[in-house]
Amino acid sequence: MKRRSVFKVDLTRIQGEGDFPCPSCGEIMSPDDESGIPYDVVKLDMKEDSLESLTIICNRCKSLIHLLGFEELKAHC
């Protein structure tokens, strides 16, 4: 059985509109894409009423991507 790759992406280090490539295959992940084509949400971690982290799976290579930095992004808005 093949092991699935797992990556961490700190959203505070992403330049631009929030789009970033999958660290494994390069598929573009966009927070504005609601089609479900490039990725699916696997897990939401909430702290009180705010999003703390999000885990998505790349539908192209099946890598898990753990997104961090939501609290810092919220503080800058």
C-alpha atoms as a PDB file:
ATOM      1  CA  MET A   1       0.000   0.000   0.000  1.00  0.00           C
ATOM      2  CA  LYS A   2       1.415   3.366  -1.063  1.00  0.00           C
ATOM      3  CA  ARG A   3       1.863   6.011   1.632  1.00  0.00           C
ATOM      4  CA  ARG A   4       0.119   9.312   1.072  1.00  0.00           C
ATOM      5  CA  SER A   5       2.295  12.434   1.154  1.00  0.00           C
ATOM      6  CA  VAL A   6       1.417  15.033   3.804  1.00  0.00           C
ATOM      7  CA  PHE A   7       2.450  18.690   3.577  1.00  0.00           C
ATOM      8  CA  LYS A   8       2.009  21.813   5.695  1.00  0.00           C
ATOM      9  CA  VAL A   9       1.360  25.157   3.997  1.00  0.00           C
ATOM     10  CA  ASP A  10       1.521  28.398   5.992  1.00  0.00           C
ATOM     11  CA  LEU A  11      -0.969  30.735   4.338  1.00  0.00           C
ATOM     12  CA  THR A  12       0.793  33.806   5.747  1.00  0.00           C
ATOM     13  CA  ARG A  13       3.750  33.049   3.452  1.00  0.00           C
ATOM     14  CA  ILE A  14       1.697  32.949   0.246  1.00  0.00           C
ATOM     15  CA  GLN A  15       1.962  35.997  -2.001  1.00  0.00           C
ATOM     16  CA  GLY A  16      -0.971  37.303  -4.041  1.00  0.00           C
ATOM     17  CA  GLU A  17      -4.595  36.220  -3.819  1.00  0.00           C
ATOM     18  CA  GLY A  18      -4.021  32.994  -1.886  1.00  0.00           C
ATOM     19  CA  ASP A  19      -3.543  30.590  -4.797  1.00  0.00           C
ATOM     20  CA  PHE A  20      -0.717  28.099  -4.295  1.00  0.00           C
ATOM     21  CA  PRO A  21       0.582  24.990  -6.054  1.00  0.00           C
ATOM     22  CA  CYS A  22       0.217  21.548  -4.517  1.00  0.00           C
ATOM     23  CA  PRO A  23       3.639  20.871  -2.966  1.00  0.00           C
ATOM     24  CA  SER A  24       3.672  17.433  -4.616  1.00  0.00           C
ATOM     25  CA  CYS A  25       2.269  17.767  -8.153  1.00  0.00           C
ATOM     26  CA  GLY A  26       1.927  21.512  -8.768  1.00  0.00           C
ATOM     27  CA  GLU A  27      -1.869  21.554  -9.240  1.00  0.00           C
ATOM     28  CA  ILE A  28      -3.065  25.093  -8.447  1.00  0.00           C
ATOM     29  CA  MET A  29      -5.174  25.326  -5.296  1.00  0.00           C
ATOM     30  CA  SER A  30      -7.346  28.422  -5.035  1.00  0.00           C
ATOM     31  CA  PRO A  31      -9.485  29.445  -2.060  1.00  0.00           C
ATOM     32  CA  ASP A  32     -12.000  30.870  -4.568  1.00  0.00           C
ATOM     33  CA  ASP A  33     -12.466  27.551  -6.395  1.00  0.00           C
ATOM     34  CA  GLU A  34     -15.689  25.924  -5.234  1.00  0.00           C
ATOM     35  CA  SER A  35     -15.864  23.391  -8.068  1.00  0.00           C
ATOM     36  CA  GLY A  36     -14.347  20.532  -6.062  1.00  0.00           C
ATOM     37  CA  ILE A  37     -12.087  19.714  -9.000  1.00  0.00           C
ATOM     38  CA  PRO A  38      -8.570  20.513  -7.672  1.00  0.00           C
ATOM     39  CA  TYR A  39      -9.147  19.587  -4.036  1.00  0.00           C
ATOM     40  CA  ASP A  40     -11.632  18.438  -1.403  1.00  0.00           C
ATOM     41  CA  VAL A  41     -11.821  19.575   2.212  1.00  0.00           C
ATOM     42  CA  VAL A  42     -11.035  16.684   4.555  1.00  0.00           C
ATOM     43  CA  LYS A  43     -11.011  18.338   7.977  1.00  0.00           C
ATOM     44  CA  LEU A  44     -11.788  21.705   9.592  1.00  0.00           C
ATOM     45  CA  ASP A  45     -10.249  22.625  12.937  1.00  0.00           C
ATOM     46  CA  MET A  46     -12.159  25.381  14.712  1.00  0.00           C
ATOM     47  CA  LYS A  47     -11.170  27.336  17.803  1.00  0.00           C
ATOM     48  CA  GLU A  48     -14.235  29.001  19.260  1.00  0.00           C
ATOM     49  CA  ASP A  49     -15.807  30.735  16.232  1.00  0.00           C
ATOM     50  CA  SER A  50     -12.754  30.991  13.999  1.00  0.00           C
ATOM     51  CA  LEU A  51     -10.983  28.636  11.642  1.00  0.00           C
ATOM     52  CA  GLU A  52      -7.671  27.437  13.063  1.00  0.00           C
ATOM     53  CA  SER A  53      -6.566  25.012  10.330  1.00  0.00           C
ATOM     54  CA  LEU A  54      -7.900  23.183   7.320  1.00  0.00           C
ATOM     55  CA  THR A  55      -6.824  19.918   5.740  1.00  0.00           C
ATOM     56  CA  ILE A  56      -7.459  19.365   2.048  1.00  0.00           C
ATOM     57  CA  ILE A  57      -6.659  16.518  -0.331  1.00  0.00           C
ATOM     58  CA  CYS A  58      -5.313  17.182  -3.804  1.00  0.00           C
ATOM     59  CA  ASN A  59      -7.577  15.360  -6.251  1.00  0.00           C
ATOM     60  CA  ARG A  60      -4.733  14.989  -8.741  1.00  0.00           C
ATOM     61  CA  CYS A  61      -2.026  13.291  -6.629  1.00  0.00           C
ATOM     62  CA  LYS A  62      -4.008  12.508  -3.424  1.00  0.00           C
ATOM     63  CA  SER A  63      -1.540  14.366  -1.169  1.00  0.00           C
ATOM     64  CA  LEU A  64      -2.884  15.767   2.086  1.00  0.00           C
ATOM     65  CA  ILE A  65      -2.214  19.480   2.605  1.00  0.00           C
ATOM     66  CA  HIS A  66      -2.578  20.937   6.086  1.00  0.00           C
ATOM     67  CA  LEU A  67      -3.239  24.688   5.815  1.00  0.00           C
ATOM     68  CA  LEU A  68      -2.142  26.896   8.722  1.00  0.00           C
ATOM     69  CA  GLY A  69      -2.092  30.626   9.425  1.00  0.00           C
ATOM     70  CA  PHE A  70      -5.776  31.537   9.416  1.00  0.00           C
ATOM     71  CA  GLU A  71      -5.560  33.330  12.774  1.00  0.00           C
ATOM     72  CA  GLU A  72      -2.678  35.524  11.598  1.00  0.00           C
ATOM     73  CA  LEU A  73      -4.472  36.321   8.339  1.00  0.00           C
ATOM     74  CA  LYS A  74      -7.589  37.328  10.244  1.00  0.00           C
ATOM     75  CA  ALA A  75      -5.542  39.669  12.483  1.00  0.00           C
ATOM     76  CA  HIS A  76      -4.231  41.517   9.407  1.00  0.00           C
ATOM     77  CA  CYS A  77      -7.704  42.158   7.922  1.00  0.00           C
END
